[in-house]
């Protein structure tokens, strides 16, 4: 069972947390390997259908870890501003806990297109060709969100 947020005064509502997930460009995916070691890796992603999606190669540490333990967490940090005279920051962040699994076929292609639209919106047509040419060398992972919490001090 996940703990409730200690600083309720900093909590942001789920709707705001989801907007932050849509807005941010990158996040950190955290997995656990077969020896119990945590592994955090920065990734690009899309938030779609109340889930987080990302692409990766057809093999690697992320995939090995997910096959070993499909429970993951994912964190994004939005805007920050240092306030040195108060020894603090203004910030906004979201942490998601969920179950990771691979998607295929239409869902995979839709997500790859969403990634192109998010990160290369001026190159969608060229991106469609890229998807066709690299689809066999690419996996798409979906994180089904089980818990989401947002925190901010903006």
Protein backbone atom coordinates (compact mmCIF):
# COMPACT_ATOMS: atom_id res chain seq x y z
CA UNK A 1 0.00 0.00 0.00
CA UNK A 2 1.29 3.44 -0.91
CA UNK A 3 1.62 6.08 1.78
CA UNK A 4 -0.46 9.21 1.66
CA UNK A 5 1.34 12.45 0.96
CA UNK A 6 2.77 13.95 4.13
CA UNK A 7 2.59 17.58 3.02
CA UNK A 8 -1.08 17.90 2.09
CA UNK A 9 -0.60 21.67 1.73
CA UNK A 10 1.68 20.99 -1.28
CA UNK A 11 -0.59 18.43 -2.95
CA UNK A 12 -1.96 19.21 -6.39
CA UNK A 13 -5.20 17.69 -7.61
CA UNK A 14 -5.22 14.75 -10.03
CA UNK A 15 -6.53 16.92 -12.88
CA UNK A 16 -3.57 19.31 -12.46
CA UNK A 17 -1.19 16.37 -12.19
CA UNK A 18 -2.49 14.97 -15.48
CA UNK A 19 -2.07 18.38 -17.14
CA UNK A 20 1.53 18.43 -15.95
CA UNK A 21 2.06 14.97 -17.46
CA UNK A 22 0.76 16.31 -20.79
CA UNK A 23 2.98 19.41 -20.58
CA UNK A 24 6.37 17.94 -19.64
CA UNK A 25 8.84 16.69 -22.23
CA UNK A 26 10.75 14.08 -20.28
CA UNK A 27 10.50 12.04 -17.13
CA UNK A 28 12.40 9.43 -15.16
CA UNK A 29 11.26 5.81 -15.33
CA UNK A 30 12.23 3.75 -12.30
CA UNK A 31 12.37 -0.03 -12.39
CA UNK A 32 13.93 -2.75 -10.23
CA UNK A 33 16.32 -5.37 -11.59
CA UNK A 34 16.47 -9.08 -10.78
CA UNK A 35 19.00 -8.38 -7.99
CA UNK A 36 16.69 -5.84 -6.34
CA UNK A 37 18.63 -2.77 -7.47
CA UNK A 38 16.66 0.30 -8.53
CA UNK A 39 17.25 1.71 -12.00
CA UNK A 40 16.12 5.20 -12.98
CA UNK A 41 16.43 6.32 -16.58
CA UNK A 42 15.28 9.52 -18.31
CA UNK A 43 12.81 8.91 -21.13
CA UNK A 44 10.63 10.78 -23.59
CA UNK A 45 6.97 9.81 -23.40
CA UNK A 46 3.38 10.63 -24.20
CA UNK A 47 0.42 10.75 -21.85
CA UNK A 48 -2.59 9.28 -23.65
CA UNK A 49 -5.77 7.51 -22.56
CA UNK A 50 -4.84 7.98 -18.88
CA UNK A 51 -1.62 6.02 -19.43
CA UNK A 52 2.06 6.78 -19.99
CA UNK A 53 3.67 5.40 -23.15
CA UNK A 54 7.29 5.32 -24.23
CA UNK A 55 9.34 3.65 -26.92
CA UNK A 56 12.61 1.79 -26.63
CA UNK A 57 14.87 -0.65 -28.43
CA UNK A 58 13.89 -4.29 -28.66
CA UNK A 59 16.29 -5.23 -25.85
CA UNK A 60 17.99 -3.52 -22.92
CA UNK A 61 18.01 -3.01 -19.18
CA UNK A 62 14.60 -1.28 -19.00
CA UNK A 63 12.93 -4.22 -20.71
CA UNK A 64 14.82 -6.81 -18.68
CA UNK A 65 13.72 -5.08 -15.49
CA UNK A 66 10.08 -4.78 -16.60
CA UNK A 67 10.03 -8.48 -17.50
CA UNK A 68 11.42 -9.24 -14.04
CA UNK A 69 9.05 -6.87 -12.22
CA UNK A 70 6.34 -4.97 -14.09
CA UNK A 71 5.71 -2.53 -11.23
CA UNK A 72 7.28 0.83 -12.09
CA UNK A 73 7.25 4.46 -11.09
CA UNK A 74 7.55 7.46 -13.34
CA UNK A 75 8.34 11.03 -12.29
CA UNK A 76 8.20 14.37 -14.07
CA UNK A 77 9.30 17.79 -12.85
CA UNK A 78 7.66 20.81 -14.44
CA UNK A 79 8.59 24.42 -13.84
CA UNK A 80 11.06 25.24 -11.09
CA UNK A 81 12.40 28.51 -9.75
CA UNK A 82 15.16 28.91 -7.19
CA UNK A 83 14.39 31.27 -4.30
CA UNK A 84 17.84 31.49 -2.69
CA UNK A 85 16.94 34.00 0.00
CA UNK A 86 14.36 31.54 1.38
CA UNK A 87 16.53 28.46 0.79
CA UNK A 88 13.83 26.83 -1.30
CA UNK A 89 12.38 26.36 -4.77
CA UNK A 90 9.08 26.91 -6.39
CA UNK A 91 8.28 23.65 -8.19
CA UNK A 92 5.71 21.26 -9.60
CA UNK A 93 6.09 17.50 -9.94
CA UNK A 94 4.14 14.31 -10.47
CA UNK A 95 4.90 10.72 -9.52
CA UNK A 96 3.01 7.85 -11.11
CA UNK A 97 2.98 4.24 -9.95
CA UNK A 98 1.75 1.58 -12.32
CA UNK A 99 2.12 -1.62 -14.24
CA UNK A 100 4.23 -1.68 -17.42
CA UNK A 101 3.44 -3.88 -20.40
CA UNK A 102 4.26 -3.95 -24.10
CA UNK A 103 1.67 -2.86 -26.67
CA UNK A 104 1.52 -3.90 -30.31
CA UNK A 105 -0.26 -3.43 -33.62
CA UNK A 106 -2.59 -0.43 -33.91
CA UNK A 107 -1.94 0.83 -30.37
CA UNK A 108 1.83 0.72 -30.97
CA UNK A 109 1.54 2.64 -34.25
CA UNK A 110 -0.81 5.23 -32.71
CA UNK A 111 1.61 5.85 -29.86
CA UNK A 112 4.60 6.15 -32.18
CA UNK A 113 2.66 8.73 -34.19
CA UNK A 114 1.76 10.62 -30.98
CA UNK A 115 5.47 10.70 -30.08
CA UNK A 116 6.24 12.17 -33.51
CA UNK A 117 3.51 14.78 -33.07
CA UNK A 118 4.81 15.71 -29.60
CA UNK A 119 8.52 15.90 -30.38
CA UNK A 120 8.66 16.64 -34.12
CA UNK A 121 5.34 18.26 -34.99
CA UNK A 122 6.73 19.91 -38.13
CA UNK A 123 7.82 16.53 -39.51
CA UNK A 124 4.75 14.32 -39.13
CA UNK A 125 4.75 13.03 -42.72
CA UNK A 126 8.45 12.20 -42.58
CA UNK A 127 7.82 10.70 -39.14
CA UNK A 128 5.20 8.33 -40.56
CA UNK A 129 7.84 6.95 -42.93
CA UNK A 130 10.27 6.67 -40.03
CA UNK A 131 7.71 4.65 -38.05
CA UNK A 132 7.23 2.22 -40.95
CA UNK A 133 10.99 1.78 -41.38
CA UNK A 134 11.85 1.40 -37.69
CA UNK A 135 8.76 -0.29 -36.25
CA UNK A 136 10.35 -3.76 -36.20
CA UNK A 137 13.31 -2.38 -34.19
CA UNK A 138 11.11 -0.57 -31.68
CA UNK A 139 9.01 -1.60 -28.72
CA UNK A 140 6.32 0.50 -27.11
CA UNK A 141 5.61 0.17 -23.41
CA UNK A 142 2.45 1.31 -21.65
CA UNK A 143 2.26 2.18 -17.98
CA UNK A 144 -1.25 1.57 -16.66
CA UNK A 145 -1.49 4.13 -13.88
CA UNK A 146 -2.54 2.70 -10.52
CA UNK A 147 -1.69 5.74 -8.42
CA UNK A 148 -0.79 9.33 -9.21
CA UNK A 149 0.30 12.11 -6.90
CA UNK A 150 1.27 15.65 -7.64
CA UNK A 151 3.11 18.16 -5.51
CA UNK A 152 3.75 21.81 -6.08
CA UNK A 153 4.75 25.10 -4.59
CA UNK A 154 4.21 27.59 -7.39
